[in-house]
Amino acid sequence: MSFHDHFSGHAPAYARARPHYPAELFPALAARAPGRDLAWDAGTGSGQAALGLAECFSRVVATDPSAAQLAEAPAHPRVEYRVGTAAESGLSGGSVDLVSAAQAAHWFDLGRFYAEAARVLRPGGVLVLWCYGLSRVTPEIDGLVERFYHEIVGPYWPPERRHIETGYRDLGFPFPDQPFPAMEMRQQWTLAEFRDYLATWSAVQRYRRERRTNPLELLLPALTQAWGDAEQPRPVTWPLTGRIGARP
């Protein structure tokens, strides 16, 4: 089955440069689940969410259709990585306590994913989707990044990106909504680390392929000046937004 593959071509950079989810997110999600035996992380990419879930669940099955992405995922004794789409968990019906999709649900065939989630979840089992949009550093840096996002690489974003911009509020959801935990992602990054993160954006990669030039070269002079000491880490944050609900 075909899938939206925007990241296999730079899977090592993606695994290295993407921010980490807050450790406190996973106990907050696990507390909603009816048990701690099994979680399924769909669209796991290089395993960022699966590793966090493994701190709370006895077993985590993490699936992704990109073998290149999975090859970059760190091994963990409680995580089993499998190649497969979000409609193909390979799990038994009624066996899963929590199904997650981190920064991934906007790429899915949602109807098929929701049907698979409903099939594998136990009664009371939790389905959770979350995403993050633009970072926050300082007002000056944020303004530069927003203009880069909209004006320079804006035409190169896949149409599914609009769901990130609305925090998934426009996605259909199969279960009654519960309040999503209020928290944010946090990193301490140098300018080079921040630049490497921007380089993983799918719009940046598409711009480079189609125009054979790096759009970051249009941003970096002003960004370097606004950052100041390039070796001095700055706090970078991303608010998390998402949907969470339980199978009746």
Protein backbone atom coordinates (compact mmCIF):
# COMPACT_ATOMS: atom_id res chain seq x y z
CA MET A 1 0.00 0.00 0.00
CA SER A 2 1.36 3.45 -0.88
CA PHE A 3 1.90 6.10 1.80
CA HIS A 4 2.95 9.71 2.15
CA ASP A 5 6.72 9.39 2.43
CA HIS A 6 8.25 12.78 3.19
CA PHE A 7 11.07 11.64 5.47
CA SER A 8 12.76 8.41 4.33
CA GLY A 9 15.25 10.35 2.21
CA HIS A 10 16.64 12.12 5.27
CA ALA A 11 15.83 9.59 7.99
CA PRO A 12 19.19 9.86 9.83
CA ALA A 13 18.93 13.65 10.03
CA TYR A 14 15.29 13.40 11.14
CA ALA A 15 16.17 11.00 13.97
CA ARG A 16 19.06 13.19 15.09
CA ALA A 17 17.53 16.65 14.81
CA ARG A 18 13.89 16.37 15.81
CA PRO A 19 12.93 17.52 19.34
CA HIS A 20 12.00 15.06 22.08
CA TYR A 21 8.59 14.79 23.66
CA PRO A 22 8.39 15.77 27.36
CA ALA A 23 8.92 12.84 29.71
CA GLU A 24 5.87 13.84 31.75
CA LEU A 25 3.58 13.35 28.75
CA PHE A 26 3.71 9.57 28.83
CA PRO A 27 2.67 8.97 32.47
CA ALA A 28 -0.18 11.43 31.91
CA LEU A 29 -1.38 9.41 28.93
CA ALA A 30 -0.84 6.04 30.60
CA ALA A 31 -2.95 7.19 33.55
CA ARG A 32 -5.97 7.34 31.20
CA ALA A 33 -5.48 3.76 29.95
CA PRO A 34 -7.25 0.73 31.47
CA GLY A 35 -3.94 -1.14 31.86
CA ARG A 36 -0.22 -0.94 31.26
CA ASP A 37 0.34 -4.12 29.25
CA LEU A 38 0.46 -3.08 25.59
CA ALA A 39 0.64 0.16 23.61
CA TRP A 40 0.68 0.57 19.83
CA ASP A 41 2.51 3.60 18.39
CA ALA A 42 1.39 4.10 14.78
CA GLY A 43 3.56 6.10 12.41
CA THR A 44 6.41 5.86 14.90
CA GLY A 45 9.06 7.20 12.52
CA SER A 46 12.35 6.79 14.35
CA GLY A 47 10.68 5.84 17.61
CA GLN A 48 10.56 9.10 19.58
CA ALA A 49 7.15 8.39 21.11
CA ALA A 50 7.62 4.62 21.35
CA LEU A 51 10.59 5.04 23.67
CA GLY A 52 8.57 7.29 25.97
CA LEU A 53 5.69 4.83 26.03
CA ALA A 54 8.11 2.03 26.91
CA GLU A 55 8.70 3.72 30.26
CA CYS A 56 5.03 3.20 31.12
CA PHE A 57 3.94 0.02 29.32
CA SER A 58 5.24 -3.54 29.52
CA ARG A 59 5.27 -3.83 25.74
CA VAL A 60 5.13 -1.34 22.86
CA VAL A 61 4.56 -2.26 19.23
CA ALA A 62 5.76 0.60 17.01
CA THR A 63 4.83 0.56 13.33
CA ASP A 64 5.84 2.71 10.39
CA PRO A 65 5.67 2.12 6.63
CA SER A 66 9.20 3.51 6.18
CA ALA A 67 11.90 0.92 6.77
CA ALA A 68 14.47 3.72 6.50
CA GLN A 69 12.88 5.55 9.41
CA LEU A 70 12.67 2.41 11.54
CA ALA A 71 16.34 1.68 10.86
CA GLU A 72 17.16 4.85 12.82
CA ALA A 73 15.01 3.93 15.83
CA PRO A 74 16.95 3.07 19.00
CA ALA A 75 16.56 -0.48 20.26
CA HIS A 76 14.66 -0.96 23.51
CA PRO A 77 13.84 -4.26 25.24
CA ARG A 78 10.13 -3.40 25.50
CA VAL A 79 9.71 -1.98 21.99
CA GLU A 80 9.05 -4.10 18.91
CA TYR A 81 9.39 -2.21 15.62
CA ARG A 82 7.39 -3.40 12.61
CA VAL A 83 7.07 -2.14 9.04
CA GLY A 84 3.41 -1.43 8.38
CA THR A 85 0.86 1.30 7.70
CA ALA A 86 -1.48 2.78 10.28
CA ALA A 87 -4.17 0.36 9.10
CA GLU A 88 -1.95 -2.69 9.64
CA SER A 89 -1.00 -3.17 13.28
CA GLY A 90 -0.82 -6.97 13.16
CA LEU A 91 -2.23 -7.01 16.70
CA SER A 92 -5.03 -9.10 18.14
CA GLY A 93 -8.45 -7.57 18.63
CA GLY A 94 -9.13 -6.12 22.08
CA SER A 95 -5.51 -6.47 23.17
CA VAL A 96 -4.22 -2.89 23.37
CA ASP A 97 -4.44 -0.43 26.25
CA LEU A 98 -3.35 2.68 24.33
CA VAL A 99 -2.95 3.62 20.66
CA SER A 100 -0.86 6.69 19.85
CA ALA A 101 0.09 8.66 16.77
CA ALA A 102 2.69 11.37 17.39
CA GLN A 103 3.10 14.07 14.70
CA ALA A 104 1.80 11.49 12.24
CA ALA A 105 -2.01 11.26 12.10
CA HIS A 106 -2.31 13.95 9.41
CA TRP A 107 -0.55 11.55 6.99
CA PHE A 108 -2.89 8.62 7.68
CA ASP A 109 -5.93 7.27 5.91
CA LEU A 110 -7.88 8.17 9.03
CA GLY A 111 -10.92 6.04 8.34
CA ARG A 112 -8.83 2.88 8.10
CA PHE A 113 -6.63 3.88 11.05
CA TYR A 114 -9.59 4.58 13.30
CA ALA A 115 -11.17 1.26 12.34
CA GLU A 116 -7.94 -0.56 13.22
CA ALA A 117 -7.59 1.34 16.49
CA ALA A 118 -11.17 0.49 17.47
CA ARG A 119 -10.52 -3.16 16.61
CA VAL A 120 -7.36 -3.57 18.69
CA LEU A 121 -8.29 -1.41 21.70
CA ARG A 122 -9.68 -2.96 24.84
CA PRO A 123 -12.94 -1.52 26.18
CA GLY A 124 -11.87 1.73 27.79
CA GLY A 125 -8.63 1.72 25.82
CA VAL A 126 -7.27 5.13 24.90
CA LEU A 127 -6.61 6.64 21.48
CA VAL A 128 -4.35 9.70 21.47
CA LEU A 129 -3.05 11.86 18.62
CA TRP A 130 -0.72 14.79 19.14
CA CYS A 131 1.27 17.28 17.11
CA TYR A 132 3.41 20.39 17.41
CA GLY A 133 3.69 23.41 15.14
CA LEU A 134 6.19 26.24 14.99
CA SER A 135 8.82 26.67 17.66
CA ARG A 136 9.18 29.58 20.05
CA VAL A 137 12.60 31.08 20.83
CA THR A 138 12.42 34.90 20.96
CA PRO A 139 9.98 37.29 19.26
CA GLU A 140 12.63 38.33 16.73
CA ILE A 141 13.66 34.76 15.87
CA ASP A 142 10.04 33.61 15.81
CA GLY A 143 9.16 36.34 13.32
CA LEU A 144 11.98 35.30 11.00
CA VAL A 145 10.96 31.63 11.17
CA GLU A 146 7.29 32.43 10.56
CA ARG A 147 8.14 34.43 7.44
CA PHE A 148 10.38 31.61 6.24
CA TYR A 149 7.60 29.10 6.92
CA HIS A 150 4.90 31.03 5.07
CA GLU A 151 6.66 33.05 2.39
CA ILE A 152 9.73 31.06 1.33
CA VAL A 153 8.84 27.38 1.80
CA GLY A 154 5.09 27.87 2.20
CA PRO A 155 4.21 26.66 -1.31
CA TYR A 156 6.22 23.48 -0.72
CA TRP A 157 4.27 22.19 2.28
CA PRO A 158 2.05 19.15 1.63
CA PRO A 159 -1.65 20.01 1.97
CA GLU A 160 -1.89 17.81 5.09
CA ARG A 161 0.24 20.38 6.94
CA ARG A 162 -2.90 22.45 7.52
CA HIS A 163 -3.95 19.95 10.20
CA ILE A 164 -0.82 20.81 12.20
CA GLU A 165 -1.68 24.50 11.95
CA THR A 166 -5.11 23.83 13.50
CA GLY A 167 -3.70 21.57 16.23
CA TYR A 168 -5.75 18.62 14.90
CA ARG A 169 -9.00 20.32 15.90
CA ASP A 170 -10.24 19.90 12.33
CA LEU A 171 -9.63 16.15 12.24
CA GLY A 172 -12.58 13.86 12.73
CA PHE A 173 -12.23 11.78 15.90
CA PRO A 174 -14.06 8.53 16.64
CA PHE A 175 -14.43 8.77 20.43
CA PRO A 176 -15.71 11.45 22.83
CA ASP A 177 -12.95 14.02 23.39
CA GLN A 178 -11.23 14.28 26.73
CA PRO A 179 -9.02 17.25 27.73
CA PHE A 180 -5.55 16.90 26.25
CA PRO A 181 -2.73 17.34 28.80
CA ALA A 182 -1.36 20.90 28.75
CA MET A 183 2.40 20.76 28.22
CA GLU A 184 5.14 21.71 25.80
CA MET A 185 8.29 20.28 24.29
CA ARG A 186 11.55 21.90 25.45
CA GLN A 187 15.08 21.83 24.07
CA GLN A 188 18.30 23.76 24.72
CA TRP A 189 19.77 24.22 21.26
CA THR A 190 22.67 26.00 19.64
CA LEU A 191 22.15 27.77 16.34
CA ALA A 192 23.54 24.75 14.46
CA GLU A 193 21.10 22.40 16.20
CA PHE A 194 18.19 24.72 15.44
CA ARG A 195 19.29 24.96 11.80
CA ASP A 196 19.50 21.16 11.56
CA TYR A 197 15.94 20.91 12.86
CA LEU A 198 14.67 23.38 10.25
CA ALA A 199 16.44 21.34 7.58
CA THR A 200 14.23 18.31 8.40
CA TRP A 201 11.04 20.14 7.45
CA SER A 202 9.38 18.36 4.54
CA ALA A 203 8.87 21.71 2.77
CA VAL A 204 12.59 22.48 3.00
CA GLN A 205 13.44 19.08 1.55
CA ARG A 206 10.95 19.50 -1.29
CA TYR A 207 12.23 23.01 -2.08
CA ARG A 208 15.77 21.63 -2.30
CA ARG A 209 14.73 18.80 -4.61
CA GLU A 210 12.68 20.94 -6.94
CA ARG A 211 14.80 24.11 -7.05
CA ARG A 212 18.21 22.51 -6.44
CA THR A 213 19.13 25.10 -3.86
CA ASN A 214 18.86 25.25 -0.08
CA PRO A 215 16.16 27.69 1.11
CA LEU A 216 17.84 27.96 4.50
CA GLU A 217 20.50 30.10 2.85
CA LEU A 218 17.80 32.78 2.55
CA LEU A 219 17.10 32.64 6.29
CA LEU A 220 20.47 32.03 7.92
CA PRO A 221 22.08 35.51 7.67
CA ALA A 222 19.21 37.19 9.54
CA LEU A 223 18.76 34.21 11.86
CA THR A 224 22.47 34.21 12.76
CA GLN A 225 22.35 37.89 13.62
CA ALA A 226 19.21 37.48 15.72
CA TRP A 227 20.58 34.42 17.54
CA GLY A 228 23.77 36.11 18.75
CA ASP A 229 26.48 33.76 20.02
CA ALA A 230 25.99 30.71 17.79
CA GLU A 231 27.50 28.39 20.40
CA GLN A 232 25.24 29.63 23.18
CA PRO A 233 22.25 27.30 23.58
CA ARG A 234 18.87 28.98 23.70
CA PRO A 235 15.63 27.52 25.07
CA VAL A 236 13.33 26.38 22.26
CA THR A 237 9.73 25.36 22.98
CA TRP A 238 6.80 23.90 21.04
CA PRO A 239 3.27 23.71 22.53
CA LEU A 240 1.75 20.25 22.15
CA THR A 241 -1.83 19.93 20.96
CA GLY A 242 -3.88 16.85 20.27
CA ARG A 243 -6.94 14.69 20.72
CA ILE A 244 -7.55 11.99 23.29
CA GLY A 245 -10.50 9.72 23.95
CA ALA A 246 -11.41 6.25 25.15
CA ARG A 247 -13.16 3.41 23.35
CA PRO A 248 -16.59 2.99 24.98
